[in-house]
Every structure is written in C-alpha cells, then in structure tokens.
N, C-alpha and C. Protein backbone atom coordinates (compact mmCIF):
# COMPACT_ATOMS: atom_id res chain seq x y z
N MET A 1 -8.70 -18.99 -6.99
CA MET A 1 -8.12 -18.60 -5.93
C MET A 1 -8.88 -17.82 -4.84
N PRO A 2 -8.47 -18.04 -3.73
CA PRO A 2 -9.33 -17.30 -2.39
C PRO A 2 -9.24 -16.13 -2.44
N GLU A 3 -10.31 -15.31 -1.98
CA GLU A 3 -10.29 -13.81 -1.76
C GLU A 3 -9.02 -13.79 -0.45
N ILE A 4 -8.39 -12.44 -0.57
CA ILE A 4 -7.39 -12.26 0.72
C ILE A 4 -7.97 -11.35 1.68
N ASN A 5 -7.93 -11.97 3.09
CA ASN A 5 -8.63 -11.38 4.36
C ASN A 5 -7.63 -9.99 4.64
N LEU A 6 -8.31 -9.21 5.08
CA LEU A 6 -7.54 -7.68 5.21
C LEU A 6 -8.07 -7.49 6.94
N LYS A 7 -6.91 -7.08 7.88
CA LYS A 7 -7.61 -6.57 8.79
C LYS A 7 -6.35 -5.83 9.52
N CYS A 8 -6.60 -4.81 10.22
CA CYS A 8 -5.62 -4.31 11.32
C CYS A 8 -5.23 -5.20 12.35
N ALA A 9 -4.44 -4.58 13.09
CA ALA A 9 -3.58 -5.37 14.08
C ALA A 9 -4.44 -5.70 15.40
N CYS A 10 -5.53 -4.66 15.53
CA CYS A 10 -6.39 -4.94 16.66
C CYS A 10 -7.75 -5.77 16.41
N GLY A 11 -8.08 -5.73 14.86
CA GLY A 11 -9.31 -6.20 14.47
C GLY A 11 -10.32 -5.47 14.25
N THR A 12 -10.04 -4.26 14.49
CA THR A 12 -11.38 -3.19 14.45
C THR A 12 -11.73 -3.17 12.92
N ILE A 13 -10.76 -2.90 12.12
CA ILE A 13 -11.20 -2.71 10.42
C ILE A 13 -10.70 -3.74 9.84
N LYS A 14 -11.73 -4.55 9.06
CA LYS A 14 -11.76 -5.83 8.36
C LYS A 14 -12.28 -5.57 7.21
N GLY A 15 -11.72 -6.22 6.19
CA GLY A 15 -12.06 -6.21 4.62
C GLY A 15 -11.53 -7.34 3.80
N LYS A 16 -11.66 -7.20 2.44
CA LYS A 16 -11.23 -8.30 1.63
C LYS A 16 -10.49 -7.55 0.14
N ALA A 17 -9.77 -8.21 -0.09
CA ALA A 17 -9.08 -7.86 -1.57
C ALA A 17 -9.66 -9.15 -2.38
N SER A 18 -10.37 -8.98 -3.30
CA SER A 18 -11.08 -9.83 -4.58
C SER A 18 -10.09 -11.06 -4.77
N ALA A 19 -10.34 -12.22 -4.98
CA ALA A 19 -9.41 -13.30 -5.49
C ALA A 19 -8.98 -12.85 -6.76
N GLU A 20 -9.66 -12.09 -7.81
CA GLU A 20 -8.78 -11.45 -8.90
C GLU A 20 -7.68 -10.88 -8.76
N SER A 21 -7.31 -10.15 -7.44
CA SER A 21 -6.39 -9.27 -7.37
C SER A 21 -4.71 -10.22 -7.39
N ALA A 22 -5.03 -11.39 -7.03
CA ALA A 22 -3.77 -12.22 -6.89
C ALA A 22 -3.54 -12.55 -8.24
N LYS A 23 -4.54 -12.45 -9.03
CA LYS A 23 -3.99 -12.73 -10.71
C LYS A 23 -3.32 -11.39 -11.26
N ILE A 24 -3.82 -10.35 -10.50
CA ILE A 24 -3.39 -9.07 -11.75
C ILE A 24 -2.51 -8.02 -10.75
N GLY A 25 -2.36 -8.40 -9.49
CA GLY A 25 -1.45 -7.31 -8.69
C GLY A 25 0.11 -7.56 -8.96
N THR A 26 0.77 -6.61 -8.40
CA THR A 26 2.29 -6.71 -8.47
C THR A 26 2.71 -6.41 -7.29
N ARG A 27 3.29 -7.24 -6.92
CA ARG A 27 4.00 -7.57 -5.35
C ARG A 27 5.20 -6.79 -5.48
N ILE A 28 5.91 -5.92 -4.72
CA ILE A 28 7.11 -5.54 -4.51
C ILE A 28 7.57 -4.98 -3.41
N THR A 29 8.91 -4.87 -3.15
CA THR A 29 9.10 -4.22 -1.69
C THR A 29 9.79 -2.97 -1.83
N CYS A 30 9.12 -1.77 -1.30
CA CYS A 30 9.88 -0.57 -1.61
C CYS A 30 10.68 -0.11 -0.34
N CYS A 31 11.83 0.46 -0.53
CA CYS A 31 12.76 1.04 0.34
C CYS A 31 12.71 2.59 0.29
N CYS A 32 11.65 3.31 -0.37
CA CYS A 32 11.72 4.61 -0.38
C CYS A 32 11.61 5.05 1.01
N ASP A 33 12.15 6.55 0.74
CA ASP A 33 12.00 7.23 2.05
C ASP A 33 10.53 7.68 2.54
N ASP A 34 9.88 7.58 1.65
CA ASP A 34 8.39 8.13 2.13
C ASP A 34 7.81 6.87 2.74
N CYS A 35 7.96 5.45 2.20
CA CYS A 35 7.21 4.54 2.91
C CYS A 35 7.99 4.15 4.32
N GLN A 36 9.41 4.59 4.34
CA GLN A 36 10.11 4.76 5.55
C GLN A 36 9.53 5.36 6.69
N ALA A 37 9.36 7.06 6.18
CA ALA A 37 8.81 8.01 7.18
C ALA A 37 7.20 7.50 7.36
N PHE A 38 6.50 6.75 6.66
CA PHE A 38 5.04 6.54 6.97
C PHE A 38 5.16 5.63 8.11
N ALA A 39 6.21 4.62 8.09
CA ALA A 39 6.31 3.34 9.26
C ALA A 39 6.62 4.24 10.50
N GLN A 40 7.46 5.40 10.05
CA GLN A 40 8.08 6.15 11.60
C GLN A 40 6.94 6.65 12.11
N PHE A 41 6.33 7.48 11.28
CA PHE A 41 5.07 8.39 11.64
C PHE A 41 4.07 7.11 12.64
N LEU A 42 3.71 6.27 12.07
CA LEU A 42 3.09 5.13 12.84
C LEU A 42 3.54 4.43 13.97
N ASP A 43 5.08 4.55 14.24
CA ASP A 43 5.75 3.83 15.37
C ASP A 43 5.43 2.62 14.98
N GLN A 44 5.60 2.14 13.80
CA GLN A 44 5.46 0.60 13.14
C GLN A 44 6.74 0.19 12.55
N GLU A 45 7.93 0.87 12.34
CA GLU A 45 8.95 0.46 11.95
C GLU A 45 9.44 -1.06 11.92
N ASP A 46 9.45 -1.80 13.25
CA ASP A 46 9.60 -2.91 13.61
C ASP A 46 8.87 -3.73 12.73
N ASN A 47 7.34 -3.41 12.84
CA ASN A 47 6.03 -4.51 12.13
C ASN A 47 6.24 -4.24 10.67
N VAL A 48 6.77 -3.22 10.01
CA VAL A 48 6.48 -2.83 8.71
C VAL A 48 7.78 -3.11 7.93
N LEU A 49 8.84 -2.39 8.41
CA LEU A 49 10.20 -2.55 7.60
C LEU A 49 10.78 -3.77 7.89
N ASP A 50 11.60 -4.31 6.69
CA ASP A 50 12.48 -5.59 6.75
C ASP A 50 13.83 -4.83 7.20
N GLN A 51 14.75 -5.98 7.10
CA GLN A 51 16.09 -5.53 7.50
C GLN A 51 16.74 -4.23 6.58
N TYR A 52 16.04 -4.26 5.28
CA TYR A 52 16.71 -3.26 4.38
C TYR A 52 15.95 -1.68 4.52
N GLY A 53 15.03 -1.84 5.44
CA GLY A 53 13.85 -0.74 5.60
C GLY A 53 12.93 -0.59 4.47
N GLY A 54 12.85 -1.95 4.03
CA GLY A 54 11.73 -2.12 2.64
C GLY A 54 10.18 -2.34 3.15
N THR A 55 9.26 -1.95 2.74
CA THR A 55 8.07 -2.27 3.04
C THR A 55 7.17 -3.16 1.85
N ASP A 56 6.76 -4.50 2.16
CA ASP A 56 6.20 -5.28 1.17
C ASP A 56 5.11 -5.01 0.91
N ILE A 57 4.59 -4.59 -0.50
CA ILE A 57 3.46 -4.29 -0.79
C ILE A 57 2.77 -4.76 -1.84
N PHE A 58 1.68 -4.97 -2.10
CA PHE A 58 0.75 -5.46 -3.27
C PHE A 58 -0.20 -4.46 -3.88
N GLN A 59 0.25 -4.29 -4.88
CA GLN A 59 -0.46 -2.90 -5.94
C GLN A 59 -1.51 -3.84 -6.74
N ILE A 60 -2.93 -3.26 -6.56
CA ILE A 60 -4.08 -4.07 -6.87
C ILE A 60 -4.91 -2.51 -7.28
N PRO A 61 -5.96 -3.09 -8.11
CA PRO A 61 -6.70 -1.89 -8.35
C PRO A 61 -7.53 -1.61 -7.07
N ILE A 62 -7.99 -0.35 -7.08
CA ILE A 62 -8.74 0.20 -5.74
C ILE A 62 -9.95 -0.48 -5.56
N SER A 63 -10.69 -0.75 -6.77
CA SER A 63 -12.29 -1.23 -6.69
C SER A 63 -12.09 -2.72 -6.02
N PHE A 64 -10.80 -3.26 -6.10
CA PHE A 64 -10.85 -4.73 -5.66
C PHE A 64 -10.76 -4.99 -4.36
N LEU A 65 -10.71 -3.63 -3.52
CA LEU A 65 -10.49 -3.88 -2.19
C LEU A 65 -11.78 -3.35 -1.57
N THR A 66 -12.33 -4.10 -0.35
CA THR A 66 -13.76 -3.53 0.01
C THR A 66 -13.38 -3.62 1.84
N ILE A 67 -13.79 -2.62 2.52
CA ILE A 67 -13.84 -2.67 3.74
C ILE A 67 -15.40 -2.78 4.58
N SER A 68 -15.30 -4.14 5.13
CA SER A 68 -16.45 -4.65 5.74
C SER A 68 -16.74 -4.04 7.00
N GLU A 69 -15.89 -3.91 7.73
CA GLU A 69 -15.94 -3.23 9.35
C GLU A 69 -14.90 -2.13 9.77
N GLY A 70 -15.48 -1.31 10.58
CA GLY A 70 -14.23 -0.21 10.83
C GLY A 70 -14.17 0.85 9.91
N LYS A 71 -14.71 1.18 9.01
CA LYS A 71 -14.41 2.25 8.16
C LYS A 71 -14.09 3.60 8.82
N ALA A 72 -15.03 3.68 9.93
CA ALA A 72 -14.57 5.06 10.69
C ALA A 72 -13.29 5.20 11.50
N GLU A 73 -12.69 4.32 11.53
CA GLU A 73 -11.28 4.24 12.14
C GLU A 73 -10.21 4.37 11.11
N ILE A 74 -10.59 4.52 9.77
CA ILE A 74 -9.50 4.71 8.74
C ILE A 74 -9.01 6.20 8.71
N ALA A 75 -7.73 6.54 8.91
CA ALA A 75 -7.33 7.94 8.71
C ALA A 75 -6.33 7.96 7.63
N CYS A 76 -5.75 9.37 7.54
CA CYS A 76 -4.70 9.38 6.29
C CYS A 76 -3.83 10.56 6.53
N ILE A 77 -2.66 10.11 6.09
CA ILE A 77 -1.65 11.35 6.02
C ILE A 77 -1.14 11.33 4.54
N ARG A 78 -0.70 12.59 4.24
CA ARG A 78 0.28 12.86 3.16
C ARG A 78 1.67 13.38 3.42
N LEU A 79 2.81 13.09 2.76
CA LEU A 79 3.90 13.54 3.42
C LEU A 79 4.37 14.89 2.49
N SER A 80 3.39 15.43 1.63
CA SER A 80 3.31 16.87 1.32
C SER A 80 2.23 16.94 0.66
N SER A 81 1.85 18.12 0.59
CA SER A 81 0.48 18.57 -0.22
C SER A 81 0.13 18.04 -1.17
N LYS A 82 1.42 17.54 -2.22
CA LYS A 82 1.08 16.79 -3.52
C LYS A 82 1.09 15.23 -3.26
N GLY A 83 1.64 14.90 -2.04
CA GLY A 83 2.13 13.18 -1.99
C GLY A 83 0.74 12.27 -2.03
N MET A 84 1.26 11.14 -2.11
CA MET A 84 0.35 9.98 -1.97
C MET A 84 -0.54 10.04 -0.66
N TYR A 85 -1.70 9.64 -1.05
CA TYR A 85 -2.74 9.53 0.27
C TYR A 85 -2.16 8.20 0.94
N ARG A 86 -1.73 8.05 2.08
CA ARG A 86 -1.29 7.05 3.00
C ARG A 86 -2.29 6.77 4.13
N TRP A 87 -2.99 5.66 3.93
CA TRP A 87 -4.21 5.25 4.66
C TRP A 87 -3.52 4.65 5.97
N TYR A 88 -4.25 4.49 7.21
CA TYR A 88 -4.15 3.78 8.08
C TYR A 88 -5.07 3.68 8.96
N ALA A 89 -5.17 2.38 10.11
CA ALA A 89 -5.94 2.46 11.14
C ALA A 89 -5.63 3.33 12.34
N LYS A 90 -6.43 4.24 12.67
CA LYS A 90 -6.27 5.38 13.75
C LYS A 90 -6.25 4.32 15.24
N CYS A 91 -7.06 3.30 15.00
CA CYS A 91 -7.36 2.38 16.38
C CYS A 91 -5.97 1.79 16.79
N CYS A 92 -5.02 1.44 15.91
CA CYS A 92 -3.91 0.75 16.27
C CYS A 92 -2.72 1.07 15.56
N ASN A 93 -2.79 2.02 14.61
CA ASN A 93 -1.74 2.58 13.71
C ASN A 93 -1.11 1.28 12.88
N THR A 94 -2.39 0.63 12.18
CA THR A 94 -1.73 -0.58 11.25
C THR A 94 -1.70 0.08 9.95
N PRO A 95 -0.43 0.40 9.27
CA PRO A 95 -0.64 0.86 7.67
C PRO A 95 -1.76 -0.12 7.03
N ILE A 96 -2.36 0.59 6.23
CA ILE A 96 -3.43 0.08 5.41
C ILE A 96 -2.96 0.03 3.94
N GLY A 97 -2.59 1.38 3.32
CA GLY A 97 -2.16 1.19 1.95
C GLY A 97 -1.96 2.76 1.44
N ASN A 98 -1.47 2.91 0.10
CA ASN A 98 -1.25 3.95 -0.49
C ASN A 98 -1.66 4.15 -1.55
N THR A 99 -2.49 5.50 -1.95
CA THR A 99 -3.18 5.90 -3.22
C THR A 99 -2.72 7.03 -3.76
N PHE A 100 -3.17 7.22 -4.89
CA PHE A 100 -2.95 8.49 -5.56
C PHE A 100 -4.15 9.32 -5.49
N GLY A 101 -4.28 10.24 -5.96
CA GLY A 101 -5.55 11.48 -5.51
C GLY A 101 -6.74 10.72 -6.17
N VAL A 102 -7.94 11.46 -6.26
CA VAL A 102 -9.23 11.04 -6.48
C VAL A 102 -9.01 10.57 -8.05
N GLY A 103 -9.88 9.62 -8.54
CA GLY A 103 -9.71 8.74 -9.57
C GLY A 103 -8.74 7.56 -9.85
N GLY A 104 -7.58 7.76 -8.91
CA GLY A 104 -6.59 6.95 -8.98
C GLY A 104 -6.70 5.61 -9.19
N PRO A 105 -6.78 4.61 -10.06
CA PRO A 105 -7.21 3.19 -9.82
C PRO A 105 -6.37 2.09 -9.17
N PHE A 106 -5.41 2.65 -8.36
CA PHE A 106 -4.44 1.80 -7.71
C PHE A 106 -4.56 2.04 -6.20
N ILE A 107 -4.16 1.02 -5.53
CA ILE A 107 -3.75 1.08 -3.94
C ILE A 107 -2.51 0.11 -3.83
N GLY A 108 -1.54 0.42 -3.23
CA GLY A 108 -0.59 -0.42 -2.68
C GLY A 108 -0.91 -0.78 -1.19
N VAL A 109 -1.63 -2.03 -0.98
CA VAL A 109 -1.62 -2.47 0.27
C VAL A 109 -0.24 -3.02 0.75
N ILE A 110 -0.41 -2.75 2.10
CA ILE A 110 0.97 -2.78 2.75
C ILE A 110 0.67 -4.18 3.52
N HIS A 111 1.55 -4.95 3.56
CA HIS A 111 1.83 -6.17 4.16
C HIS A 111 1.14 -6.56 5.52
N SER A 112 1.18 -5.35 6.35
CA SER A 112 0.67 -5.84 7.59
C SER A 112 -0.71 -5.61 7.66
N PHE A 113 -1.42 -5.29 6.50
CA PHE A 113 -3.05 -5.15 6.64
C PHE A 113 -3.39 -6.57 5.99
N MET A 114 -2.43 -7.13 5.48
CA MET A 114 -3.17 -8.52 4.97
C MET A 114 -3.00 -9.72 6.14
N ASP A 115 -4.02 -10.42 6.42
CA ASP A 115 -4.31 -11.55 6.83
C ASP A 115 -3.79 -12.76 6.74
N ASN A 116 -2.25 -12.92 5.97
CA ASN A 116 -1.80 -13.89 5.31
C ASN A 116 -0.77 -14.18 5.35
N THR A 117 -0.06 -13.96 6.62
CA THR A 117 1.27 -14.17 6.79
C THR A 117 1.76 -15.48 6.35
N GLN A 118 1.29 -16.42 7.01
CA GLN A 118 1.82 -17.69 6.47
C GLN A 118 1.68 -18.13 5.03
N THR A 119 0.56 -17.63 4.24
CA THR A 119 0.27 -18.06 2.52
C THR A 119 0.54 -16.97 2.10
N ARG A 120 1.17 -15.90 2.19
CA ARG A 120 1.50 -14.74 1.35
C ARG A 120 1.91 -15.10 0.23
N ASP A 121 3.09 -15.76 -0.10
CA ASP A 121 3.78 -16.02 -1.05
C ASP A 121 2.80 -16.85 -2.05
N ALA A 122 2.24 -17.81 -1.34
CA ALA A 122 1.13 -18.83 -2.30
C ALA A 122 0.19 -18.02 -2.74
N ASP A 123 -0.33 -16.85 -1.77
CA ASP A 123 -1.50 -16.20 -2.31
C ASP A 123 -1.38 -15.21 -3.46
N LEU A 124 -0.01 -14.55 -3.09
CA LEU A 124 0.36 -13.42 -4.13
C LEU A 124 1.42 -13.60 -4.84
N GLY A 125 2.15 -14.58 -5.00
CA GLY A 125 3.39 -14.77 -5.54
C GLY A 125 4.37 -14.15 -5.12
N LYS A 126 5.76 -14.33 -5.28
CA LYS A 126 7.17 -13.58 -4.59
C LYS A 126 6.94 -12.30 -4.88
N SER A 127 7.75 -11.60 -4.29
CA SER A 127 7.88 -10.26 -4.55
C SER A 127 8.60 -10.27 -5.96
N ARG A 128 8.46 -8.99 -6.92
CA ARG A 128 9.15 -8.55 -8.25
C ARG A 128 10.59 -8.18 -7.65
N GLY A 129 10.75 -7.90 -6.55
CA GLY A 129 12.13 -7.40 -6.01
C GLY A 129 11.79 -5.88 -5.45
N TYR A 130 13.29 -5.42 -5.07
CA TYR A 130 12.95 -4.28 -4.21
C TYR A 130 13.26 -3.03 -5.09
N VAL A 131 12.44 -2.12 -4.91
CA VAL A 131 12.55 -0.68 -5.46
C VAL A 131 13.15 0.21 -4.70
N LEU A 132 13.74 1.29 -5.43
CA LEU A 132 13.96 2.56 -4.83
C LEU A 132 15.11 2.14 -3.65
N THR A 133 16.31 1.11 -4.10
CA THR A 133 16.97 0.93 -3.18
C THR A 133 18.01 1.77 -2.81
N LYS A 134 18.12 3.14 -3.24
CA LYS A 134 19.09 4.23 -2.89
C LYS A 134 18.79 4.34 -1.60
N TYR A 135 17.58 4.37 -1.01
CA TYR A 135 16.90 4.81 0.09
C TYR A 135 17.19 3.53 1.22
N ALA A 136 17.49 2.45 0.92
CA ALA A 136 17.48 1.28 1.87
C ALA A 136 18.65 1.74 2.95
N LYS A 137 18.07 1.01 4.38
CA LYS A 137 19.01 1.22 5.52
C LYS A 137 20.30 0.49 5.24
N THR A 138 20.27 -0.94 4.69
CA THR A 138 21.53 -1.18 4.37
C THR A 138 21.38 -1.66 2.93
N PRO A 139 22.82 -1.88 2.16
CA PRO A 139 22.65 -2.27 0.98
C PRO A 139 22.02 -3.44 0.51
N VAL A 140 21.13 -3.61 -0.35
CA VAL A 140 20.23 -4.48 -1.00
C VAL A 140 21.04 -5.35 -1.89
N PRO A 141 21.36 -6.76 -1.61
CA PRO A 141 21.90 -7.54 -2.90
C PRO A 141 21.45 -7.57 -4.00
N GLU A 142 22.15 -7.23 -5.04
CA GLU A 142 21.90 -7.22 -6.35
C GLU A 142 20.78 -8.07 -6.86
N ASN A 143 20.89 -9.05 -6.52
CA ASN A 143 19.97 -10.36 -6.76
C ASN A 143 18.67 -10.29 -6.19
N LEU A 144 18.48 -9.40 -5.20
CA LEU A 144 17.12 -8.93 -4.87
C LEU A 144 16.54 -7.85 -5.21
N LYS A 145 17.16 -7.11 -6.16
CA LYS A 145 16.69 -5.70 -6.82
C LYS A 145 15.99 -5.97 -8.23
N ALA A 146 14.83 -5.04 -8.21
CA ALA A 146 13.64 -5.44 -9.25
C ALA A 146 14.51 -4.45 -10.55
N SER A 147 14.35 -4.87 -11.48
CA SER A 147 14.67 -3.91 -12.52
C SER A 147 13.63 -2.74 -13.06
N SER A 148 14.07 -1.35 -12.50
CA SER A 148 13.24 -0.37 -12.37
C SER A 148 12.59 -0.16 -13.75
N LEU A 149 13.35 -0.16 -14.74
CA LEU A 149 12.77 -0.12 -16.37
C LEU A 149 11.35 -1.13 -16.21
N SER A 150 11.69 -2.33 -15.77
CA SER A 150 10.47 -3.23 -16.22
C SER A 150 9.52 -2.92 -15.07
N ILE A 151 9.66 -2.92 -13.97
CA ILE A 151 8.78 -2.50 -12.79
C ILE A 151 7.91 -1.34 -13.03
N ASN A 152 8.75 -0.17 -13.86
CA ASN A 152 7.84 1.17 -14.14
C ASN A 152 7.15 0.80 -15.06
N PHE A 153 7.52 0.02 -16.24
CA PHE A 153 6.55 -0.14 -17.28
C PHE A 153 5.40 -0.88 -16.94
N ARG A 154 5.59 -1.96 -16.29
CA ARG A 154 4.41 -2.85 -15.71
C ARG A 154 3.37 -1.99 -15.05
N MET A 155 3.86 -0.88 -14.13
CA MET A 155 2.82 -0.42 -13.41
C MET A 155 1.97 0.64 -14.32
N VAL A 156 2.92 1.44 -15.02
CA VAL A 156 2.60 2.31 -16.01
C VAL A 156 1.42 1.77 -16.91
N THR A 157 1.74 0.54 -17.58
CA THR A 157 0.54 -0.49 -18.02
C THR A 157 -0.72 -0.67 -17.60
N LYS A 158 -0.22 -1.41 -16.22
CA LYS A 158 -1.57 -1.51 -15.53
C LYS A 158 -2.48 -0.65 -14.94
N ILE A 159 -1.86 0.44 -14.62
CA ILE A 159 -2.75 1.86 -14.10
C ILE A 159 -3.50 1.98 -15.41
N LEU A 160 -2.71 2.44 -16.33
CA LEU A 160 -3.68 2.86 -17.45
C LEU A 160 -4.68 1.84 -17.92
N SER A 161 -4.38 0.56 -17.56
CA SER A 161 -5.41 -0.43 -18.23
C SER A 161 -6.59 -0.61 -17.05
N TRP A 162 -6.28 -0.40 -15.82
CA TRP A 162 -7.23 -0.35 -14.73
C TRP A 162 -8.14 0.90 -14.88
N LYS A 163 -7.56 2.10 -15.30
CA LYS A 163 -8.02 3.23 -15.53
C LYS A 163 -9.23 3.02 -16.44
N LEU A 164 -8.69 2.60 -17.60
CA LEU A 164 -9.66 2.35 -18.72
C LEU A 164 -10.67 1.37 -18.60
N LYS A 165 -10.30 0.54 -17.68
CA LYS A 165 -11.57 -0.69 -17.37
C LYS A 165 -12.42 -0.21 -16.42
N GLY A 166 -12.18 0.99 -15.85
CA GLY A 166 -13.00 1.66 -14.40
C GLY A 166 -12.93 1.06 -13.42
N LEU A 167 -11.37 0.72 -12.94
CA LEU A 167 -11.60 -0.28 -11.69
C LEU A 167 -11.09 0.97 -10.72
N ASN A 168 -11.14 2.17 -11.05
CA ASN A 168 -10.85 3.28 -9.83
C ASN A 168 -12.27 3.27 -9.07
N LYS A 169 -13.22 2.75 -9.48
CA LYS A 169 -14.63 2.81 -8.68
C LYS A 169 -15.20 1.56 -8.53
N PRO A 170 -15.83 1.37 -7.25
CA PRO A 170 -15.70 1.95 -6.34
C PRO A 170 -14.69 2.34 -5.33
N SER A 171 -14.61 2.96 -4.64
CA SER A 171 -13.20 3.24 -3.75
C SER A 171 -13.88 3.14 -2.32
N GLU A 172 -13.06 2.58 -1.54
CA GLU A 172 -13.37 2.82 0.10
C GLU A 172 -12.97 3.86 0.72
N PHE A 173 -11.91 4.68 -0.12
CA PHE A 173 -11.14 5.73 0.18
C PHE A 173 -11.14 7.40 -0.24
N PHE A 174 -12.30 7.13 -1.12
CA PHE A 174 -12.62 8.18 -1.69
C PHE A 174 -14.29 8.32 -2.04
N ASN A 175 -14.99 9.38 -1.57
CA ASN A 175 -16.52 9.50 -1.86
C ASN A 175 -16.77 9.54 -3.28
N ASN A 176 -18.22 9.41 -3.63
CA ASN A 176 -18.50 9.45 -5.05
C ASN A 176 -18.08 10.87 -5.65
N ASN A 177 -17.99 11.91 -4.68
CA ASN A 177 -18.05 13.22 -5.13
C ASN A 177 -16.49 13.53 -5.39
N GLY A 178 -15.49 12.64 -5.11
CA GLY A 178 -14.03 12.58 -5.30
C GLY A 178 -13.27 13.11 -4.35
N THR A 179 -13.97 13.41 -2.92
CA THR A 179 -13.51 13.59 -1.82
C THR A 179 -12.59 12.49 -1.18
N PRO A 180 -11.79 12.62 -0.34
CA PRO A 180 -11.25 11.69 0.78
C PRO A 180 -12.33 11.37 1.85
N ILE A 181 -12.47 10.17 2.12
CA ILE A 181 -13.51 9.89 3.01
C ILE A 181 -13.27 10.74 4.56
N CYS A 182 -11.85 11.17 4.73
CA CYS A 182 -11.47 11.68 5.77
C CYS A 182 -10.30 12.81 5.38
N SER A 183 -10.07 13.73 6.29
CA SER A 183 -9.29 14.79 5.88
C SER A 183 -7.82 14.19 6.11
N ALA A 184 -6.89 14.47 5.16
CA ALA A 184 -5.55 13.98 5.01
C ALA A 184 -4.75 14.83 5.89
N GLN A 185 -4.06 14.47 6.82
CA GLN A 185 -3.24 15.39 7.59
C GLN A 185 -2.02 15.35 6.69
N VAL A 186 -1.46 16.67 6.55
CA VAL A 186 -0.11 16.96 5.65
C VAL A 186 1.23 16.97 6.46
N LEU A 187 1.94 16.03 6.64
CA LEU A 187 2.91 15.84 7.62
C LEU A 187 4.28 15.99 6.69
N GLU A 188 5.02 16.94 6.91
CA GLU A 188 6.30 17.42 6.09
C GLU A 188 7.46 16.06 6.35
N LYS A 189 7.86 15.82 5.69
CA LYS A 189 9.13 14.51 6.31
C LYS A 189 10.29 14.91 6.59
N LYS A 190 10.26 16.42 6.73
CA LYS A 190 11.55 16.83 7.58
C LYS A 190 11.46 17.04 8.76
N HIS A 191 10.27 16.84 9.36
CA HIS A 191 10.05 16.71 10.65
C HIS A 191 10.29 15.13 11.24
N LEU A 192 10.23 14.27 10.33
CA LEU A 192 10.87 13.03 10.94
C LEU A 192 12.23 12.76 10.91
N LYS A 193 12.58 11.49 11.20
CA LYS A 193 14.06 11.01 11.48
C LYS A 193 14.21 9.73 10.60
N ILE A 194 14.19 10.41 9.42
CA ILE A 194 14.74 8.93 8.37
C ILE A 194 15.85 9.36 7.72
C-alpha cells in the first residue's frame, strides 16, 4: 500500500502517513460535540462535517505521521484544560487531527488533511461507522452506527498495543521533553454555538 499524502487546504503544511497506517488504523465517523465545536471554531463546518454533523477520522499511531513542510504553521486548541489536543493549520484553518497528551500513541487524522479524496475508501477501507451519535445534527440511521462496545474495545486494545510497541515516538506534535510544539489555546465549548 502507498503512503498517504497529507496537506492543508492551502498546501503550506505537507506530510505523510506511513503505508503501514492503512493496515492497522481505524476509520470512524465521530459525531461528538467536541469534533463539531472544533470545526465551528475553525469556520470549517461545511468542509469537515457531513450531513449528520460527523467528522471522518482515521486513527493511527502518532509516530506514523510525519510533517515535511510548514511545521511552524501548526497551531492547537483544547476545548477544556484537560481536553484532547486539537491540531490545525493556522495558515488556512484546516483541521489536522486530535491527540491525547504527552506520550499518547494515537492521532485521529481528520479527512480534510488527507490528500486522497478520490481514493480514501481504497486507501483506508470503509468507515467502521458513526460513533457518539447522540450528538448528531440529524438522526443517524441504525445501519450506519458503529457498535460502541466493539469500537471502544478495538481502540483501547490498539492504543495499549501501540504504547507497548513504543509507537508514541517520534511525534511531530510533542517535543522530546514532552511539551507540545506550540501552546494550546484553551477554548471553553460554552462560548461556541453547537
């Protein structure tokens, strides 16, 4: 399988996800209010959210993603002081992905940062379904919903495995000393209209 090319909408930030990502990653569509708030903060709702308010996300080990150009244009927000780090391109407000804190082995790469619109299903496989559908903008049909139990089990198992294999390093988003590459703006969701 080929590497997955990554780039922001204006092309300033470019990178790749390793070919191995396609074999071990998990693709889901998340309807949570945090993902919706992130798209709203970036004024990217039309480009990121689908008709249900879902975001197509590909979860891979953080060490499988490399940035080759434009790293200085990466910015970050958190929707609470303990929330996920939500990375984006400040040059054009393209969402990049979501990570846990320092040492977390995972990044959920957002579809709009992947340069494979035409080949996404072939590259990544079909989405395993919609998650956190209670936050959906319109009801998600039952046949499109993912089993919460099976998705949660899959992700916990993968995250533990990736951590044990040391796939949390290197990281394009955290320095070797564990600090984020840029300060995260903490933005309370209550100030957004979701």
